[in-house]
């Protein structure tokens, strides 16, 4: 079972689980929305002829390039 299937455990900067119900709700909604957007982009790319592994690499690179606000 994947993390997505189990439900992610969201940790704070000290490594403790986030316990606030409202924060968890927003995080879960963001997770679901992002997963769907990534899947849609992936499928669009494949329909336009992009190789699956190439698109996975592009998406992975996008995540690696994320920066914290103010960094």
Foldseek 3Di string as FASTA:
>chain_A
DDCLVVPPFDADPVRHGDDDPVVSVVVNVVVVVVVVVLVVVLVVCVVVPDDNVVSVVVVVVVVVPDDDPPD
